mmCIF file of all heavy atoms, coordinates in Angstrom:
data_MODEL
# 
_entry.id   MODEL 
# 
loop_
_atom_site.group_PDB 
_atom_site.id 
_atom_site.type_symbol 
_atom_site.label_atom_id 
_atom_site.label_alt_id 
_atom_site.label_comp_id 
_atom_site.label_asym_id 
_atom_site.label_entity_id 
_atom_site.label_seq_id 
_atom_site.pdbx_PDB_ins_code 
_atom_site.Cartn_x 
_atom_site.Cartn_y 
_atom_site.Cartn_z 
_atom_site.occupancy 
_atom_site.B_iso_or_equiv 
_atom_site.pdbx_formal_charge 
_atom_site.auth_seq_id 
_atom_site.auth_comp_id 
_atom_site.auth_asym_id 
_atom_site.auth_atom_id 
_atom_site.pdbx_PDB_model_num 
ATOM 1   N N   . GLN A 1 1  ? 0.822   -1.279 -0.026  1.00 0.00 ? 1  GLN A N   1 
ATOM 2   C CA  . GLN A 1 1  ? -0.012  0.019  -0.015  1.00 0.00 ? 1  GLN A CA  1 
ATOM 3   C C   . GLN A 1 1  ? 0.879   1.206  -0.041  1.00 0.00 ? 1  GLN A C   1 
ATOM 4   O O   . GLN A 1 1  ? 0.540   2.227  -0.625  1.00 0.00 ? 1  GLN A O   1 
ATOM 5   C CB  . GLN A 1 1  ? -1.024  -0.004 1.195   1.00 0.00 ? 1  GLN A CB  1 
ATOM 6   C CG  . GLN A 1 1  ? -2.000  -1.042 1.104   1.00 0.00 ? 1  GLN A CG  1 
ATOM 7   C CD  . GLN A 1 1  ? -2.809  -0.999 -0.203  1.00 0.00 ? 1  GLN A CD  1 
ATOM 8   O OE1 . GLN A 1 1  ? -3.317  0.122  -0.500  1.00 0.00 ? 1  GLN A OE1 1 
ATOM 9   N NE2 . GLN A 1 1  ? -3.000  -2.127 -0.834  1.00 0.00 ? 1  GLN A NE2 1 
ATOM 10  N N   . GLY A 1 2  ? 1.968   1.228  0.735   1.00 0.00 ? 2  GLY A N   1 
ATOM 11  C CA  . GLY A 1 2  ? 2.818   2.378  0.717   1.00 0.00 ? 2  GLY A CA  1 
ATOM 12  C C   . GLY A 1 2  ? 3.481   2.575  -0.638  1.00 0.00 ? 2  GLY A C   1 
ATOM 13  O O   . GLY A 1 2  ? 3.612   3.779  -1.075  1.00 0.00 ? 2  GLY A O   1 
ATOM 14  N N   . LEU A 1 3  ? 3.889   1.551  -1.275  1.00 0.00 ? 3  LEU A N   1 
ATOM 15  C CA  . LEU A 1 3  ? 4.522   1.629  -2.572  1.00 0.00 ? 3  LEU A CA  1 
ATOM 16  C C   . LEU A 1 3  ? 3.532   2.123  -3.555  1.00 0.00 ? 3  LEU A C   1 
ATOM 17  O O   . LEU A 1 3  ? 3.891   3.094  -4.473  1.00 0.00 ? 3  LEU A O   1 
ATOM 18  C CB  . LEU A 1 3  ? 5.153   0.346  -2.969  1.00 0.00 ? 3  LEU A CB  1 
ATOM 19  C CG  . LEU A 1 3  ? 6.336   -0.304 -2.170  1.00 0.00 ? 3  LEU A CG  1 
ATOM 20  C CD1 . LEU A 1 3  ? 6.513   -1.771 -2.498  1.00 0.00 ? 3  LEU A CD1 1 
ATOM 21  C CD2 . LEU A 1 3  ? 7.485   0.610  -2.515  1.00 0.00 ? 3  LEU A CD2 1 
ATOM 22  N N   . ILE A 1 4  ? 2.369   1.566  -3.539  1.00 0.00 ? 4  ILE A N   1 
ATOM 23  C CA  . ILE A 1 4  ? 1.201   2.057  -4.580  1.00 0.00 ? 4  ILE A CA  1 
ATOM 24  C C   . ILE A 1 4  ? 0.934   3.482  -4.220  1.00 0.00 ? 4  ILE A C   1 
ATOM 25  O O   . ILE A 1 4  ? 0.842   4.189  -5.175  1.00 0.00 ? 4  ILE A O   1 
ATOM 26  C CB  . ILE A 1 4  ? -0.040  1.070  -4.316  1.00 0.00 ? 4  ILE A CB  1 
ATOM 27  C CG1 . ILE A 1 4  ? 0.254   -0.292 -4.929  1.00 0.00 ? 4  ILE A CG1 1 
ATOM 28  C CG2 . ILE A 1 4  ? -1.113  1.742  -5.042  1.00 0.00 ? 4  ILE A CG2 1 
ATOM 29  C CD1 . ILE A 1 4  ? -0.811  -1.251 -4.494  1.00 0.00 ? 4  ILE A CD1 1 
ATOM 30  N N   . ALA A 1 5  ? 0.831   3.840  -3.011  1.00 0.00 ? 5  ALA A N   1 
ATOM 31  C CA  . ALA A 1 5  ? 0.491   5.347  -2.662  1.00 0.00 ? 5  ALA A CA  1 
ATOM 32  C C   . ALA A 1 5  ? 1.598   6.314  -3.282  1.00 0.00 ? 5  ALA A C   1 
ATOM 33  O O   . ALA A 1 5  ? 1.269   7.353  -3.766  1.00 0.00 ? 5  ALA A O   1 
ATOM 34  C CB  . ALA A 1 5  ? 0.399   5.476  -1.244  1.00 0.00 ? 5  ALA A CB  1 
ATOM 35  N N   . ARG A 1 6  ? 2.855   5.894  -3.242  1.00 0.00 ? 6  ARG A N   1 
ATOM 36  C CA  . ARG A 1 6  ? 3.906   6.686  -3.698  1.00 0.00 ? 6  ARG A CA  1 
ATOM 37  C C   . ARG A 1 6  ? 3.750   6.796  -5.248  1.00 0.00 ? 6  ARG A C   1 
ATOM 38  O O   . ARG A 1 6  ? 3.832   7.914  -5.916  1.00 0.00 ? 6  ARG A O   1 
ATOM 39  C CB  . ARG A 1 6  ? 5.394   6.276  -3.336  1.00 0.00 ? 6  ARG A CB  1 
ATOM 40  C CG  . ARG A 1 6  ? 5.674   6.551  -1.913  1.00 0.00 ? 6  ARG A CG  1 
ATOM 41  C CD  . ARG A 1 6  ? 7.057   6.021  -1.529  1.00 0.00 ? 6  ARG A CD  1 
ATOM 42  N NE  . ARG A 1 6  ? 8.165   6.557  -2.269  1.00 0.00 ? 6  ARG A NE  1 
ATOM 43  C CZ  . ARG A 1 6  ? 8.846   7.634  -1.907  1.00 0.00 ? 6  ARG A CZ  1 
ATOM 44  N NH1 . ARG A 1 6  ? 8.619   8.241  -0.709  1.00 0.00 ? 6  ARG A NH1 1 
ATOM 45  N NH2 . ARG A 1 6  ? 9.793   8.102  -2.674  1.00 0.00 ? 6  ARG A NH2 1 
ATOM 46  N N   . SER A 1 7  ? 3.547   5.786  -5.901  1.00 0.00 ? 7  SER A N   1 
ATOM 47  C CA  . SER A 1 7  ? 3.332   5.732  -7.437  1.00 0.00 ? 7  SER A CA  1 
ATOM 48  C C   . SER A 1 7  ? 2.120   6.602  -7.763  1.00 0.00 ? 7  SER A C   1 
ATOM 49  O O   . SER A 1 7  ? 2.245   7.450  -8.728  1.00 0.00 ? 7  SER A O   1 
ATOM 50  C CB  . SER A 1 7  ? 3.209   4.398  -7.980  1.00 0.00 ? 7  SER A CB  1 
ATOM 51  O OG  . SER A 1 7  ? 4.411   3.565  -7.923  1.00 0.00 ? 7  SER A OG  1 
ATOM 52  N N   . ASP A 1 8  ? 1.094   6.457  -7.054  1.00 0.00 ? 8  ASP A N   1 
ATOM 53  C CA  . ASP A 1 8  ? -0.169  7.306  -7.292  1.00 0.00 ? 8  ASP A CA  1 
ATOM 54  C C   . ASP A 1 8  ? 0.161   8.718  -7.237  1.00 0.00 ? 8  ASP A C   1 
ATOM 55  O O   . ASP A 1 8  ? -0.222  9.560  -8.035  1.00 0.00 ? 8  ASP A O   1 
ATOM 56  C CB  . ASP A 1 8  ? -1.305  6.839  -6.436  1.00 0.00 ? 8  ASP A CB  1 
ATOM 57  C CG  . ASP A 1 8  ? -1.865  5.470  -6.680  1.00 0.00 ? 8  ASP A CG  1 
ATOM 58  O OD1 . ASP A 1 8  ? -1.536  5.009  -7.773  1.00 0.00 ? 8  ASP A OD1 1 
ATOM 59  O OD2 . ASP A 1 8  ? -2.631  5.014  -5.885  1.00 0.00 ? 8  ASP A OD2 1 
ATOM 60  N N   . ALA A 1 9  ? 0.887   9.135  -6.107  1.00 0.00 ? 9  ALA A N   1 
ATOM 61  C CA  . ALA A 1 9  ? 1.243   10.605 -5.832  1.00 0.00 ? 9  ALA A CA  1 
ATOM 62  C C   . ALA A 1 9  ? 2.119   11.004 -7.037  1.00 0.00 ? 9  ALA A C   1 
ATOM 63  O O   . ALA A 1 9  ? 1.885   12.190 -7.433  1.00 0.00 ? 9  ALA A O   1 
ATOM 64  C CB  . ALA A 1 9  ? 1.829   10.700 -4.513  1.00 0.00 ? 9  ALA A CB  1 
ATOM 65  N N   . ASN A 1 10 ? 3.057   10.326 -7.422  1.00 0.00 ? 10 ASN A N   1 
ATOM 66  C CA  . ASN A 1 10 ? 3.949   10.741 -8.541  1.00 0.00 ? 10 ASN A CA  1 
ATOM 67  C C   . ASN A 1 10 ? 3.215   10.851 -9.719  1.00 0.00 ? 10 ASN A C   1 
ATOM 68  O O   . ASN A 1 10 ? 3.469   11.883 -10.448 1.00 0.00 ? 10 ASN A O   1 
ATOM 69  C CB  . ASN A 1 10 ? 5.032   9.742  -8.735  1.00 0.00 ? 10 ASN A CB  1 
ATOM 70  C CG  . ASN A 1 10 ? 6.018   9.723  -7.584  1.00 0.00 ? 10 ASN A CG  1 
ATOM 71  O OD1 . ASN A 1 10 ? 6.107   10.618 -6.746  1.00 0.00 ? 10 ASN A OD1 1 
ATOM 72  N ND2 . ASN A 1 10 ? 6.749   8.650  -7.364  1.00 0.00 ? 10 ASN A ND2 1 
ATOM 73  N N   . ALA A 1 11 ? 2.303   9.990  -10.190 1.00 0.00 ? 11 ALA A N   1 
ATOM 74  C CA  . ALA A 1 11 ? 1.501   10.027 -11.367 1.00 0.00 ? 11 ALA A CA  1 
ATOM 75  C C   . ALA A 1 11 ? 0.633   11.282 -11.323 1.00 0.00 ? 11 ALA A C   1 
ATOM 76  O O   . ALA A 1 11 ? 0.416   11.939 -12.286 1.00 0.00 ? 11 ALA A O   1 
ATOM 77  C CB  . ALA A 1 11 ? 0.831   8.786  -11.658 1.00 0.00 ? 11 ALA A CB  1 
ATOM 78  N N   . ALA A 1 12 ? 0.113   11.482 -10.148 1.00 0.00 ? 12 ALA A N   1 
ATOM 79  C CA  . ALA A 1 12 ? -0.857  12.715 -10.054 1.00 0.00 ? 12 ALA A CA  1 
ATOM 80  C C   . ALA A 1 12 ? -0.156  14.029 -10.202 1.00 0.00 ? 12 ALA A C   1 
ATOM 81  O O   . ALA A 1 12 ? -0.628  14.914 -10.819 1.00 0.00 ? 12 ALA A O   1 
ATOM 82  C CB  . ALA A 1 12 ? -1.613  12.644 -8.640  1.00 0.00 ? 12 ALA A CB  1 
ATOM 83  N N   . ALA A 1 13 ? 1.067   14.047 -9.675  1.00 0.00 ? 13 ALA A N   1 
ATOM 84  C CA  . ALA A 1 13 ? 1.873   15.249 -9.829  1.00 0.00 ? 13 ALA A CA  1 
ATOM 85  C C   . ALA A 1 13 ? 2.324   15.524 -11.250 1.00 0.00 ? 13 ALA A C   1 
ATOM 86  O O   . ALA A 1 13 ? 2.273   16.646 -11.707 1.00 0.00 ? 13 ALA A O   1 
ATOM 87  C CB  . ALA A 1 13 ? 3.076   15.185 -8.965  1.00 0.00 ? 13 ALA A CB  1 
ATOM 88  N N   . LEU A 1 14 ? 2.731   14.390 -12.009 1.00 0.00 ? 14 LEU A N   1 
ATOM 89  C CA  . LEU A 1 14 ? 2.960   14.614 -13.374 1.00 0.00 ? 14 LEU A CA  1 
ATOM 90  C C   . LEU A 1 14 ? 1.706   14.900 -14.262 1.00 0.00 ? 14 LEU A C   1 
ATOM 91  O O   . LEU A 1 14 ? 1.824   15.769 -15.152 1.00 0.00 ? 14 LEU A O   1 
ATOM 92  C CB  . LEU A 1 14 ? 3.601   13.259 -13.926 1.00 0.00 ? 14 LEU A CB  1 
ATOM 93  C CG  . LEU A 1 14 ? 4.159   13.379 -15.371 1.00 0.00 ? 14 LEU A CG  1 
ATOM 94  C CD1 . LEU A 1 14 ? 5.001   14.564 -15.533 1.00 0.00 ? 14 LEU A CD1 1 
ATOM 95  C CD2 . LEU A 1 14 ? 4.765   12.097 -15.764 1.00 0.00 ? 14 LEU A CD2 1 
ATOM 96  N N   . ASP A 1 15 ? 0.531   14.415 -13.832 1.00 0.00 ? 15 ASP A N   1 
ATOM 97  C CA  . ASP A 1 15 ? -0.717  14.728 -14.515 1.00 0.00 ? 15 ASP A CA  1 
ATOM 98  C C   . ASP A 1 15 ? -1.012  16.186 -14.460 1.00 0.00 ? 15 ASP A C   1 
ATOM 99  O O   . ASP A 1 15 ? -1.465  16.749 -15.344 1.00 0.00 ? 15 ASP A O   1 
ATOM 100 C CB  . ASP A 1 15 ? -1.785  13.761 -13.972 1.00 0.00 ? 15 ASP A CB  1 
ATOM 101 C CG  . ASP A 1 15 ? -2.978  13.799 -14.934 1.00 0.00 ? 15 ASP A CG  1 
ATOM 102 O OD1 . ASP A 1 15 ? -2.858  13.574 -16.114 1.00 0.00 ? 15 ASP A OD1 1 
ATOM 103 O OD2 . ASP A 1 15 ? -4.129  14.177 -14.347 1.00 0.00 ? 15 ASP A OD2 1 
ATOM 104 N N   . THR A 1 16 ? -0.789  16.798 -13.342 1.00 0.00 ? 16 THR A N   1 
ATOM 105 C CA  . THR A 1 16 ? -0.950  18.122 -13.128 1.00 0.00 ? 16 THR A CA  1 
ATOM 106 C C   . THR A 1 16 ? -0.112  18.986 -14.005 1.00 0.00 ? 16 THR A C   1 
ATOM 107 O O   . THR A 1 16 ? -0.521  20.061 -14.615 1.00 0.00 ? 16 THR A O   1 
ATOM 108 C CB  . THR A 1 16 ? -0.677  18.510 -11.625 1.00 0.00 ? 16 THR A CB  1 
ATOM 109 O OG1 . THR A 1 16 ? -1.663  17.875 -10.741 1.00 0.00 ? 16 THR A OG1 1 
ATOM 110 C CG2 . THR A 1 16 ? -0.862  20.050 -11.343 1.00 0.00 ? 16 THR A CG2 1 
ATOM 111 N N   . ILE A 1 17 ? 1.113   18.556 -14.094 1.00 0.00 ? 17 ILE A N   1 
ATOM 112 C CA  . ILE A 1 17 ? 2.058   19.288 -15.019 1.00 0.00 ? 17 ILE A CA  1 
ATOM 113 C C   . ILE A 1 17 ? 1.648   19.261 -16.451 1.00 0.00 ? 17 ILE A C   1 
ATOM 114 O O   . ILE A 1 17 ? 1.631   20.181 -17.164 1.00 0.00 ? 17 ILE A O   1 
ATOM 115 C CB  . ILE A 1 17 ? 3.521   18.698 -14.935 1.00 0.00 ? 17 ILE A CB  1 
ATOM 116 C CG1 . ILE A 1 17 ? 4.191   19.009 -13.541 1.00 0.00 ? 17 ILE A CG1 1 
ATOM 117 C CG2 . ILE A 1 17 ? 4.474   19.140 -16.021 1.00 0.00 ? 17 ILE A CG2 1 
ATOM 118 C CD1 . ILE A 1 17 ? 5.416   18.238 -13.267 1.00 0.00 ? 17 ILE A CD1 1 
ATOM 119 N N   . VAL A 1 18 ? 1.138   18.006 -16.894 1.00 0.00 ? 18 VAL A N   1 
ATOM 120 C CA  . VAL A 1 18 ? 0.562   17.826 -18.226 1.00 0.00 ? 18 VAL A CA  1 
ATOM 121 C C   . VAL A 1 18 ? -0.567  18.758 -18.528 1.00 0.00 ? 18 VAL A C   1 
ATOM 122 O O   . VAL A 1 18 ? -0.739  19.387 -19.537 1.00 0.00 ? 18 VAL A O   1 
ATOM 123 C CB  . VAL A 1 18 ? 0.310   16.368 -18.462 1.00 0.00 ? 18 VAL A CB  1 
ATOM 124 C CG1 . VAL A 1 18 ? -0.279  16.216 -19.855 1.00 0.00 ? 18 VAL A CG1 1 
ATOM 125 C CG2 . VAL A 1 18 ? 1.655   15.550 -18.506 1.00 0.00 ? 18 VAL A CG2 1 
ATOM 126 N N   . ALA A 1 19 ? -1.499  18.766 -17.427 1.00 0.00 ? 19 ALA A N   1 
ATOM 127 C CA  . ALA A 1 19 ? -2.779  19.443 -17.620 1.00 0.00 ? 19 ALA A CA  1 
ATOM 128 C C   . ALA A 1 19 ? -2.654  20.877 -17.747 1.00 0.00 ? 19 ALA A C   1 
ATOM 129 O O   . ALA A 1 19 ? -3.339  21.736 -18.419 1.00 0.00 ? 19 ALA A O   1 
ATOM 130 C CB  . ALA A 1 19 ? -3.733  19.120 -16.424 1.00 0.00 ? 19 ALA A CB  1 
ATOM 131 N N   . ASP A 1 20 ? -1.516  21.452 -17.217 1.00 0.00 ? 20 ASP A N   1 
ATOM 132 C CA  . ASP A 1 20 ? -1.336  22.878 -17.188 1.00 0.00 ? 20 ASP A CA  1 
ATOM 133 C C   . ASP A 1 20 ? -0.573  23.325 -18.426 1.00 0.00 ? 20 ASP A C   1 
ATOM 134 O O   . ASP A 1 20 ? -0.195  24.582 -18.551 1.00 0.00 ? 20 ASP A O   1 
ATOM 135 C CB  . ASP A 1 20 ? -0.424  23.288 -15.925 1.00 0.00 ? 20 ASP A CB  1 
ATOM 136 C CG  . ASP A 1 20 ? -1.224  23.243 -14.700 1.00 0.00 ? 20 ASP A CG  1 
ATOM 137 O OD1 . ASP A 1 20 ? -2.418  23.202 -14.767 1.00 0.00 ? 20 ASP A OD1 1 
ATOM 138 O OD2 . ASP A 1 20 ? -0.571  23.173 -13.628 1.00 0.00 ? 20 ASP A OD2 1 
ATOM 139 N N   . ARG A 1 21 ? -0.154  22.412 -19.339 1.00 0.00 ? 21 ARG A N   1 
ATOM 140 C CA  . ARG A 1 21 ? 0.631   22.811 -20.556 1.00 0.00 ? 21 ARG A CA  1 
ATOM 141 C C   . ARG A 1 21 ? -0.050  22.245 -21.832 1.00 0.00 ? 21 ARG A C   1 
ATOM 142 O O   . ARG A 1 21 ? -0.290  21.102 -21.943 1.00 0.00 ? 21 ARG A O   1 
ATOM 143 C CB  . ARG A 1 21 ? 2.060   22.229 -20.424 1.00 0.00 ? 21 ARG A CB  1 
ATOM 144 C CG  . ARG A 1 21 ? 2.889   22.949 -19.363 1.00 0.00 ? 21 ARG A CG  1 
ATOM 145 C CD  . ARG A 1 21 ? 3.931   22.088 -18.743 1.00 0.00 ? 21 ARG A CD  1 
ATOM 146 N NE  . ARG A 1 21 ? 4.727   22.905 -17.773 1.00 0.00 ? 21 ARG A NE  1 
ATOM 147 C CZ  . ARG A 1 21 ? 4.330   23.013 -16.458 1.00 0.00 ? 21 ARG A CZ  1 
ATOM 148 N NH1 . ARG A 1 21 ? 3.221   22.515 -16.034 1.00 0.00 ? 21 ARG A NH1 1 
ATOM 149 N NH2 . ARG A 1 21 ? 5.178   23.757 -15.715 1.00 0.00 ? 21 ARG A NH2 1 
ATOM 150 N N   . ASP A 1 22 ? -0.388  23.211 -22.681 1.00 0.00 ? 22 ASP A N   1 
ATOM 151 C CA  . ASP A 1 22 ? -1.101  22.745 -23.935 1.00 0.00 ? 22 ASP A CA  1 
ATOM 152 C C   . ASP A 1 22 ? -0.223  22.019 -24.912 1.00 0.00 ? 22 ASP A C   1 
ATOM 153 O O   . ASP A 1 22 ? -0.623  21.410 -25.880 1.00 0.00 ? 22 ASP A O   1 
ATOM 154 C CB  . ASP A 1 22 ? -1.862  23.930 -24.560 1.00 0.00 ? 22 ASP A CB  1 
ATOM 155 C CG  . ASP A 1 22 ? -0.772  25.062 -25.028 1.00 0.00 ? 22 ASP A CG  1 
ATOM 156 O OD1 . ASP A 1 22 ? 0.427   24.920 -24.871 1.00 0.00 ? 22 ASP A OD1 1 
ATOM 157 O OD2 . ASP A 1 22 ? -1.353  26.105 -25.389 1.00 0.00 ? 22 ASP A OD2 1 
ATOM 158 N N   . TRP A 1 23 ? 1.108   22.204 -24.690 1.00 0.00 ? 23 TRP A N   1 
ATOM 159 C CA  . TRP A 1 23 ? 1.980   21.398 -25.602 1.00 0.00 ? 23 TRP A CA  1 
ATOM 160 C C   . TRP A 1 23 ? 2.412   19.953 -25.108 1.00 0.00 ? 23 TRP A C   1 
ATOM 161 O O   . TRP A 1 23 ? 3.070   19.274 -25.881 1.00 0.00 ? 23 TRP A O   1 
ATOM 162 C CB  . TRP A 1 23 ? 3.348   22.166 -25.744 1.00 0.00 ? 23 TRP A CB  1 
ATOM 163 C CG  . TRP A 1 23 ? 4.089   22.537 -24.487 1.00 0.00 ? 23 TRP A CG  1 
ATOM 164 C CD1 . TRP A 1 23 ? 3.816   23.614 -23.836 1.00 0.00 ? 23 TRP A CD1 1 
ATOM 165 C CD2 . TRP A 1 23 ? 5.063   21.758 -23.939 1.00 0.00 ? 23 TRP A CD2 1 
ATOM 166 N NE1 . TRP A 1 23 ? 4.669   23.582 -22.651 1.00 0.00 ? 23 TRP A NE1 1 
ATOM 167 C CE2 . TRP A 1 23 ? 5.420   22.397 -22.757 1.00 0.00 ? 23 TRP A CE2 1 
ATOM 168 C CE3 . TRP A 1 23 ? 5.758   20.587 -24.221 1.00 0.00 ? 23 TRP A CE3 1 
ATOM 169 C CZ2 . TRP A 1 23 ? 6.535   22.016 -21.903 1.00 0.00 ? 23 TRP A CZ2 1 
ATOM 170 C CZ3 . TRP A 1 23 ? 6.748   20.092 -23.451 1.00 0.00 ? 23 TRP A CZ3 1 
ATOM 171 C CH2 . TRP A 1 23 ? 7.155   20.951 -22.201 1.00 0.00 ? 23 TRP A CH2 1 
ATOM 172 N N   . LEU A 1 24 ? 1.994   19.631 -24.021 1.00 0.00 ? 24 LEU A N   1 
ATOM 173 C CA  . LEU A 1 24 ? 2.159   18.258 -23.479 1.00 0.00 ? 24 LEU A CA  1 
ATOM 174 C C   . LEU A 1 24 ? 0.789   17.429 -23.385 1.00 0.00 ? 24 LEU A C   1 
ATOM 175 O O   . LEU A 1 24 ? -0.112  18.018 -23.218 1.00 0.00 ? 24 LEU A O   1 
ATOM 176 C CB  . LEU A 1 24 ? 2.640   18.316 -22.030 1.00 0.00 ? 24 LEU A CB  1 
ATOM 177 C CG  . LEU A 1 24 ? 4.165   18.324 -21.746 1.00 0.00 ? 24 LEU A CG  1 
ATOM 178 C CD1 . LEU A 1 24 ? 4.470   18.365 -20.306 1.00 0.00 ? 24 LEU A CD1 1 
ATOM 179 C CD2 . LEU A 1 24 ? 4.930   17.131 -22.383 1.00 0.00 ? 24 LEU A CD2 1 
ATOM 180 N N   . GLY A 1 25 ? 0.958   16.209 -23.716 1.00 0.00 ? 25 GLY A N   1 
ATOM 181 C CA  . GLY A 1 25 ? -0.246  15.330 -23.594 1.00 0.00 ? 25 GLY A CA  1 
ATOM 182 C C   . GLY A 1 25 ? 0.150   13.933 -23.211 1.00 0.00 ? 25 GLY A C   1 
ATOM 183 O O   . GLY A 1 25 ? 1.278   13.519 -23.133 1.00 0.00 ? 25 GLY A O   1 
ATOM 184 N N   . HIS A 1 26 ? -0.848  13.128 -22.904 1.00 0.00 ? 26 HIS A N   1 
ATOM 185 C CA  . HIS A 1 26 ? -0.608  11.653 -22.626 1.00 0.00 ? 26 HIS A CA  1 
ATOM 186 C C   . HIS A 1 26 ? -0.779  10.853 -23.785 1.00 0.00 ? 26 HIS A C   1 
ATOM 187 O O   . HIS A 1 26 ? -1.703  11.072 -24.636 1.00 0.00 ? 26 HIS A O   1 
ATOM 188 C CB  . HIS A 1 26 ? -1.601  11.265 -21.572 1.00 0.00 ? 26 HIS A CB  1 
ATOM 189 C CG  . HIS A 1 26 ? -1.355  11.609 -20.211 1.00 0.00 ? 26 HIS A CG  1 
ATOM 190 N ND1 . HIS A 1 26 ? -0.327  11.134 -19.429 1.00 0.00 ? 26 HIS A ND1 1 
ATOM 191 C CD2 . HIS A 1 26 ? -1.880  12.620 -19.355 1.00 0.00 ? 26 HIS A CD2 1 
ATOM 192 C CE1 . HIS A 1 26 ? -0.284  11.754 -18.234 1.00 0.00 ? 26 HIS A CE1 1 
ATOM 193 N NE2 . HIS A 1 26 ? -1.267  12.680 -18.131 1.00 0.00 ? 26 HIS A NE2 1 
ATOM 194 N N   . LEU A 1 27 ? 0.162   9.956  -24.110 1.00 0.00 ? 27 LEU A N   1 
ATOM 195 C CA  . LEU A 1 27 ? 0.026   8.990  -25.211 1.00 0.00 ? 27 LEU A CA  1 
ATOM 196 C C   . LEU A 1 27 ? -1.120  8.117  -24.988 1.00 0.00 ? 27 LEU A C   1 
ATOM 197 O O   . LEU A 1 27 ? -1.838  7.739  -25.921 1.00 0.00 ? 27 LEU A O   1 
ATOM 198 C CB  . LEU A 1 27 ? 1.336   8.296  -25.314 1.00 0.00 ? 27 LEU A CB  1 
ATOM 199 C CG  . LEU A 1 27 ? 1.421   7.326  -26.532 1.00 0.00 ? 27 LEU A CG  1 
ATOM 200 C CD1 . LEU A 1 27 ? 1.174   7.898  -27.936 1.00 0.00 ? 27 LEU A CD1 1 
ATOM 201 C CD2 . LEU A 1 27 ? 2.733   6.453  -26.505 1.00 0.00 ? 27 LEU A CD2 1 
ATOM 202 N N   . ALA A 1 28 ? -1.220  7.676  -23.737 1.00 0.00 ? 28 ALA A N   1 
ATOM 203 C CA  . ALA A 1 28 ? -2.448  6.839  -23.318 1.00 0.00 ? 28 ALA A CA  1 
ATOM 204 C C   . ALA A 1 28 ? -3.705  7.592  -23.375 1.00 0.00 ? 28 ALA A C   1 
ATOM 205 O O   . ALA A 1 28 ? -3.893  8.551  -22.646 1.00 0.00 ? 28 ALA A O   1 
ATOM 206 C CB  . ALA A 1 28 ? -2.166  6.223  -21.973 1.00 0.00 ? 28 ALA A CB  1 
ATOM 207 N N   . VAL A 1 29 ? -4.696  7.220  -24.207 1.00 0.00 ? 29 VAL A N   1 
ATOM 208 C CA  . VAL A 1 29 ? -5.864  8.074  -24.492 1.00 0.00 ? 29 VAL A CA  1 
ATOM 209 C C   . VAL A 1 29 ? -6.836  8.039  -23.292 1.00 0.00 ? 29 VAL A C   1 
ATOM 210 O O   . VAL A 1 29 ? -7.276  8.990  -22.861 1.00 0.00 ? 29 VAL A O   1 
ATOM 211 C CB  . VAL A 1 29 ? -6.532  7.460  -25.779 1.00 0.00 ? 29 VAL A CB  1 
ATOM 212 C CG1 . VAL A 1 29 ? -7.817  8.306  -25.932 1.00 0.00 ? 29 VAL A CG1 1 
ATOM 213 C CG2 . VAL A 1 29 ? -5.728  7.662  -26.984 1.00 0.00 ? 29 VAL A CG2 1 
ATOM 214 N N   . GLU A 1 30 ? -7.120  6.710  -22.714 1.00 0.00 ? 30 GLU A N   1 
ATOM 215 C CA  . GLU A 1 30 ? -8.091  6.621  -21.667 1.00 0.00 ? 30 GLU A CA  1 
ATOM 216 C C   . GLU A 1 30 ? -7.383  6.616  -20.277 1.00 0.00 ? 30 GLU A C   1 
ATOM 217 O O   . GLU A 1 30 ? -6.417  6.012  -20.012 1.00 0.00 ? 30 GLU A O   1 
ATOM 218 C CB  . GLU A 1 30 ? -8.820  5.208  -21.806 1.00 0.00 ? 30 GLU A CB  1 
ATOM 219 C CG  . GLU A 1 30 ? -9.612  5.163  -23.140 1.00 0.00 ? 30 GLU A CG  1 
ATOM 220 C CD  . GLU A 1 30 ? -10.801 6.069  -23.187 1.00 0.00 ? 30 GLU A CD  1 
ATOM 221 O OE1 . GLU A 1 30 ? -11.295 6.500  -22.107 1.00 0.00 ? 30 GLU A OE1 1 
ATOM 222 O OE2 . GLU A 1 30 ? -11.148 6.421  -24.323 1.00 0.00 ? 30 GLU A OE2 1 
# 
């Protein structure tokens, strides 16, 4: 659970970065 939580937090932080920049996007559509 601790390992999963760290991965989740990292992915969420990167997702925020992507959402704030119109030149960045996710290759994974869904």
